[in-house]
Amino acid sequence: MSDYLIRGTALNGKVRAFAVQTTGITEELRRRHQTTPTTTAALGRTAAAGLLMGAMLKNEERLTIQVKGGGPIGQIVVDANAKGHVRGYVDHPDVDLPLNAVGKLDVAGAVGTDGFLYITKDLGLKEPYKGSVPIVSGELAEDFTYYFAKSEQTPSVVALGVLVDRDYTVKVSGGFVIQLLPGVTDDEISEIEQVLSGLSSVTTMLDAGMTLEDILRKVLPSIQIMDRSLVEFRCTCSRERVETTLISLGKDELRDILEEEGSAEVVCHFCNEKYQYGEEDLQRMLEQ
């Protein structure tokens, strides 16, 4: 099944919810960046969060997530937009750690807990919106929950998960966010909290064959699904864009590359695509 995202409202508009399935996207990220199971989980969770937050944007708006927790994988960077496109990378994709105390992938150990979660939103205004919060757990779902509460003043529950198969490929991946809006009563909040406390993990539910609609209905029986859209890995790099970047280095630097190397190879951080430029290409750029 293709990766997709749904959004809905419940309790007469007092609660809104988003859920996303990202199995194919996370597998694409794993394949492109050759991530270990632990970094696959960390990058996959962040990509799912990016898509969920992107669904809260409009038109051409986009956002960038940076997770800098001080752990061995370095920073995680994810770009997402309102159209359901996402891309991302992690500084050290080869880092792997033993399972944690409860036998799960040690994402918190890899991410670290000594740092910040940064969100930058390009909303088409003069200046981008920037928000940041300290990393509170390193498991990421709790960190995004904290971000929504502190930086956006929206009480939220975020669930994120990646299940890696025995051959290191991605079995299932996804997440959801439930947000409480003005007017929700204490009794309604207690009821939602009670359901959430007994809920299985996102990956357990997806692996059992539950759809995103099934998952949200389990938490919010009164939910009305407003829309359903496809989501995908998509990078904005291209040969032309990279060439423009090379030209912007200036004549002197281009001439040095031509004389010393005779060619240039540029690798995109986000998709690991390699762009090769030979002697003729560099000469043409110099003439431009």
Protein backbone atom coordinates (compact mmCIF):
# COMPACT_ATOMS: atom_id res chain seq x y z
CA MET A 1 0.00 0.00 0.00
CA SER A 2 1.26 3.50 -0.83
CA ASP A 3 2.23 5.77 2.04
CA TYR A 4 -0.57 8.14 2.96
CA LEU A 5 -1.78 10.68 5.51
CA ILE A 6 -5.22 11.36 6.95
CA ARG A 7 -6.61 14.21 9.01
CA GLY A 8 -9.79 14.43 11.00
CA THR A 9 -11.68 16.11 13.82
CA ALA A 10 -13.57 14.73 16.81
CA LEU A 11 -15.74 15.90 19.70
CA ASN A 12 -17.45 18.58 17.58
CA GLY A 13 -14.19 20.13 16.42
CA LYS A 14 -12.58 20.29 19.87
CA VAL A 15 -9.93 17.72 18.92
CA ARG A 16 -8.00 17.42 15.68
CA ALA A 17 -5.93 14.44 14.62
CA PHE A 18 -3.42 13.52 11.93
CA ALA A 19 -1.98 10.08 11.14
CA VAL A 20 0.60 9.00 8.60
CA GLN A 21 1.96 5.73 7.24
CA THR A 22 5.57 6.08 6.04
CA THR A 23 6.80 2.52 5.48
CA GLY A 24 7.94 3.14 1.90
CA ILE A 25 9.46 6.52 2.71
CA THR A 26 11.49 5.18 5.63
CA GLU A 27 12.70 2.26 3.52
CA GLU A 28 13.74 4.72 0.79
CA LEU A 29 15.69 6.76 3.37
CA ARG A 30 17.32 3.58 4.69
CA ARG A 31 18.31 2.46 1.20
CA ARG A 32 19.67 5.84 0.13
CA HIS A 33 21.64 6.53 3.30
CA GLN A 34 22.53 2.92 4.20
CA THR A 35 21.37 3.46 7.78
CA THR A 36 21.73 0.92 10.57
CA PRO A 37 18.53 -0.22 12.35
CA THR A 38 18.97 2.38 15.12
CA THR A 39 19.55 5.30 12.74
CA THR A 40 16.74 4.02 10.47
CA ALA A 41 14.38 4.32 13.45
CA ALA A 42 15.63 7.78 14.43
CA LEU A 43 15.46 9.19 10.89
CA GLY A 44 12.15 7.45 10.14
CA ARG A 45 10.47 8.81 13.27
CA THR A 46 11.65 12.34 12.46
CA ALA A 47 10.45 12.06 8.85
CA ALA A 48 7.00 10.94 10.05
CA ALA A 49 6.90 13.91 12.44
CA GLY A 50 7.87 16.19 9.55
CA LEU A 51 4.96 14.96 7.43
CA LEU A 52 2.50 15.32 10.31
CA MET A 53 3.65 18.89 10.92
CA GLY A 54 3.68 19.57 7.17
CA ALA A 55 -0.01 18.60 7.08
CA MET A 56 -0.68 21.55 9.39
CA LEU A 57 0.76 23.97 6.79
CA LYS A 58 -0.86 25.42 3.65
CA ASN A 59 -0.01 25.85 -0.05
CA GLU A 60 3.74 26.46 -0.58
CA GLU A 61 4.64 26.50 3.13
CA ARG A 62 7.43 24.21 4.31
CA LEU A 63 9.42 23.39 7.41
CA THR A 64 12.80 22.06 8.48
CA ILE A 65 13.37 19.95 11.59
CA GLN A 66 16.81 19.73 13.19
CA VAL A 67 17.40 17.30 16.04
CA LYS A 68 20.69 18.04 17.78
CA GLY A 69 20.81 15.86 20.87
CA GLY A 70 24.56 15.49 21.30
CA GLY A 71 24.42 11.73 20.65
CA PRO A 72 26.71 9.66 18.39
CA ILE A 73 24.52 9.97 15.28
CA GLY A 74 25.03 13.75 15.22
CA GLN A 75 22.16 15.82 13.90
CA ILE A 76 19.03 14.63 12.11
CA VAL A 77 17.69 17.02 9.46
CA VAL A 78 14.28 16.64 7.82
CA ASP A 79 12.53 18.90 5.29
CA ALA A 80 8.78 18.57 4.72
CA ASN A 81 6.05 20.63 3.09
CA ALA A 82 2.28 21.04 2.87
CA LYS A 83 2.17 18.85 -0.26
CA GLY A 84 3.23 15.67 1.54
CA HIS A 85 6.85 15.64 0.36
CA VAL A 86 9.67 14.80 2.76
CA ARG A 87 13.43 14.26 2.63
CA GLY A 88 16.07 13.90 5.33
CA TYR A 89 19.45 12.71 6.48
CA VAL A 90 21.45 11.92 9.59
CA ASP A 91 25.10 12.93 10.09
CA HIS A 92 26.37 9.45 10.99
CA PRO A 93 24.09 6.80 9.42
CA ASP A 94 26.46 3.95 10.34
CA VAL A 95 26.09 4.34 14.12
CA ASP A 96 24.46 1.34 15.79
CA LEU A 97 23.94 0.57 19.46
CA PRO A 98 22.94 -2.52 21.47
CA LEU A 99 19.24 -2.83 22.29
CA ASN A 100 18.10 -0.79 25.30
CA ALA A 101 16.99 -2.14 28.69
CA VAL A 102 13.54 -3.12 27.37
CA GLY A 103 14.91 -4.86 24.27
CA LYS A 104 14.08 -2.06 21.81
CA LEU A 105 16.28 -0.07 19.42
CA ASP A 106 18.16 2.49 21.51
CA VAL A 107 17.06 5.62 19.66
CA ALA A 108 17.50 7.83 22.74
CA GLY A 109 21.06 6.60 23.18
CA ALA A 110 21.84 7.38 19.53
CA VAL A 111 20.10 10.78 19.45
CA GLY A 112 21.28 11.93 22.89
CA THR A 113 19.46 14.07 25.43
CA ASP A 114 21.87 16.98 25.70
CA GLY A 115 20.64 19.40 23.09
CA PHE A 116 17.68 20.93 21.30
CA LEU A 117 14.92 20.26 18.79
CA TYR A 118 14.72 23.11 16.28
CA ILE A 119 11.77 23.80 13.95
CA THR A 120 12.02 26.41 11.18
CA LYS A 121 8.86 27.18 9.19
CA ASP A 122 8.86 29.06 5.90
CA LEU A 123 5.37 30.54 5.86
CA GLY A 124 6.01 32.93 2.97
CA LEU A 125 6.57 35.85 5.32
CA LYS A 126 9.60 38.15 5.45
CA GLU A 127 11.22 36.13 8.22
CA PRO A 128 10.80 32.38 8.87
CA TYR A 129 9.21 31.22 12.12
CA LYS A 130 11.76 29.59 14.42
CA GLY A 131 11.00 27.53 17.50
CA SER A 132 13.16 25.35 19.72
CA VAL A 133 12.84 23.26 22.86
CA PRO A 134 15.31 21.20 24.89
CA ILE A 135 15.32 17.49 24.06
CA VAL A 136 13.55 15.78 26.95
CA SER A 137 13.80 12.09 26.07
CA GLY A 138 15.65 11.47 22.80
CA GLU A 139 12.95 8.95 21.82
CA LEU A 140 11.55 11.80 19.65
CA ALA A 141 7.77 11.33 20.06
CA GLU A 142 7.96 12.81 23.57
CA ASP A 143 10.22 15.58 22.26
CA PHE A 144 7.70 16.62 19.60
CA THR A 145 4.91 16.43 22.21
CA TYR A 146 6.96 18.82 24.36
CA TYR A 147 7.58 21.11 21.37
CA PHE A 148 3.83 21.44 20.63
CA ALA A 149 3.06 22.21 24.28
CA LYS A 150 5.86 24.72 24.87
CA SER A 151 6.50 26.35 21.51
CA GLU A 152 3.04 26.26 19.94
CA GLN A 153 0.94 26.17 23.15
CA THR A 154 -1.14 23.29 21.77
CA PRO A 155 -1.55 20.31 24.13
CA SER A 156 -0.78 17.30 21.92
CA VAL A 157 0.00 13.61 21.98
CA VAL A 158 2.56 12.44 19.42
CA ALA A 159 3.22 8.77 18.64
CA LEU A 160 5.98 7.75 16.21
CA GLY A 161 7.35 4.32 15.33
CA VAL A 162 9.58 2.36 12.97
CA LEU A 163 9.68 -1.44 12.97
CA VAL A 164 12.85 -2.81 11.36
CA ASP A 165 12.72 -6.36 9.98
CA ARG A 166 15.36 -9.05 10.51
CA ASP A 167 17.02 -8.23 7.18
CA TYR A 168 17.25 -4.56 8.32
CA THR A 169 14.57 -3.39 5.86
CA VAL A 170 11.62 -1.41 7.16
CA LYS A 171 8.60 -3.54 8.01
CA VAL A 172 6.22 -0.73 9.03
CA SER A 173 6.60 2.93 9.92
CA GLY A 174 4.29 5.81 10.81
CA GLY A 175 2.81 7.97 13.52
CA PHE A 176 -0.05 10.16 14.68
CA VAL A 177 -0.67 13.40 16.53
CA ILE A 178 -3.80 14.26 18.50
CA GLN A 179 -4.28 17.91 19.46
CA LEU A 180 -6.67 19.34 22.05
CA LEU A 181 -8.29 22.61 20.99
CA PRO A 182 -10.13 25.21 23.10
CA GLY A 183 -13.40 23.97 24.59
CA VAL A 184 -12.42 20.39 25.33
CA THR A 185 -13.56 19.41 28.84
CA ASP A 186 -11.55 17.73 31.61
CA ASP A 187 -13.78 14.64 31.33
CA GLU A 188 -13.12 14.40 27.60
CA ILE A 189 -9.38 14.77 28.19
CA SER A 190 -9.47 12.03 30.84
CA GLU A 191 -11.30 9.71 28.48
CA ILE A 192 -8.71 10.24 25.70
CA GLU A 193 -5.84 9.78 28.17
CA GLN A 194 -7.36 6.52 29.42
CA VAL A 195 -7.60 5.11 25.87
CA LEU A 196 -4.04 6.22 25.05
CA SER A 197 -2.63 4.62 28.19
CA GLY A 198 -3.84 1.20 27.05
CA LEU A 199 -3.03 1.64 23.38
CA SER A 200 -0.50 -0.58 21.60
CA SER A 201 2.43 1.05 19.81
CA VAL A 202 1.89 2.51 16.34
CA THR A 203 4.10 -0.16 14.78
CA THR A 204 2.26 -2.99 16.57
CA MET A 205 -1.05 -1.72 15.19
CA LEU A 206 0.27 -1.16 11.65
CA ASP A 207 2.01 -4.55 11.66
CA ALA A 208 -1.30 -6.17 12.68
CA GLY A 209 -2.85 -4.76 9.51
CA MET A 210 -4.72 -1.83 11.05
CA THR A 211 -5.26 1.18 8.79
CA LEU A 212 -4.65 4.75 9.93
CA GLU A 213 -8.42 5.18 10.06
CA ASP A 214 -8.68 2.15 12.40
CA ILE A 215 -5.98 3.58 14.67
CA LEU A 216 -7.56 7.03 15.01
CA ARG A 217 -11.01 5.53 15.58
CA LYS A 218 -9.59 3.42 18.39
CA VAL A 219 -8.48 6.61 20.18
CA LEU A 220 -11.34 8.86 19.06
CA PRO A 221 -14.50 6.84 18.24
CA SER A 222 -16.33 10.00 17.10
CA ILE A 223 -13.64 11.05 14.60
CA GLN A 224 -14.67 12.35 11.19
CA ILE A 225 -11.98 11.83 8.56
CA MET A 226 -11.72 15.06 6.58
CA ASP A 227 -9.27 13.99 3.90
CA ARG A 228 -6.72 11.43 2.79
CA SER A 229 -3.62 12.22 0.72
CA LEU A 230 -0.53 10.45 -0.56
CA VAL A 231 2.88 11.28 0.92
CA GLU A 232 6.29 10.57 -0.61
CA PHE A 233 10.04 10.95 -0.37
CA ARG A 234 11.02 13.73 -2.74
CA CYS A 235 14.28 15.66 -2.97
CA THR A 236 14.50 19.09 -4.60
CA CYS A 237 18.06 18.66 -5.86
CA SER A 238 18.81 18.44 -9.60
CA ARG A 239 21.81 18.59 -11.91
CA GLU A 240 20.89 22.17 -12.87
CA ARG A 241 20.59 23.31 -9.24
CA VAL A 242 23.93 21.79 -8.29
CA GLU A 243 25.53 23.44 -11.34
CA THR A 244 24.16 26.81 -10.22
CA THR A 245 25.77 26.21 -6.81
CA LEU A 246 29.11 25.38 -8.44
CA ILE A 247 28.97 28.54 -10.59
CA SER A 248 28.27 30.59 -7.44
CA LEU A 249 31.68 29.50 -6.06
CA GLY A 250 33.25 32.00 -8.44
CA LYS A 251 35.84 31.79 -11.22
CA ASP A 252 38.91 31.39 -9.01
CA GLU A 253 37.57 28.41 -7.10
CA LEU A 254 36.20 26.76 -10.25
CA ARG A 255 39.57 27.24 -11.97
CA ASP A 256 41.32 25.64 -8.96
CA ILE A 257 39.01 22.61 -9.13
CA LEU A 258 39.62 22.31 -12.88
CA GLU A 259 43.41 22.55 -12.54
CA GLU A 260 43.81 20.40 -9.43
CA GLU A 261 41.07 17.77 -9.86
CA GLY A 262 40.04 17.99 -13.50
CA SER A 263 36.46 17.11 -12.46
CA ALA A 264 33.97 17.58 -9.63
CA GLU A 265 31.60 15.28 -7.76
CA VAL A 266 28.84 16.74 -5.62
CA VAL A 267 26.74 14.53 -3.33
CA CYS A 268 23.34 15.72 -2.09
CA HIS A 269 23.06 15.42 1.71
CA PHE A 270 19.35 14.70 1.56
CA CYS A 271 19.14 11.96 -1.07
CA ASN A 272 22.76 10.81 -1.52
CA GLU A 273 22.46 11.38 -5.28
CA LYS A 274 25.89 11.90 -6.89
CA TYR A 275 26.39 14.52 -9.60
CA GLN A 276 29.51 14.26 -11.77
CA TYR A 277 30.97 17.20 -13.71
CA GLY A 278 33.84 16.56 -16.11
CA GLU A 279 36.48 18.87 -17.56
CA GLU A 280 34.17 20.08 -20.33
CA ASP A 281 31.39 20.87 -17.83
CA LEU A 282 33.74 22.88 -15.60
CA GLN A 283 35.18 24.73 -18.61
CA ARG A 284 31.65 25.66 -19.73
CA MET A 285 30.80 26.92 -16.25
CA LEU A 286 33.94 29.07 -16.25
CA GLU A 287 32.92 30.61 -19.56
CA GLN A 288 29.45 31.35 -18.14
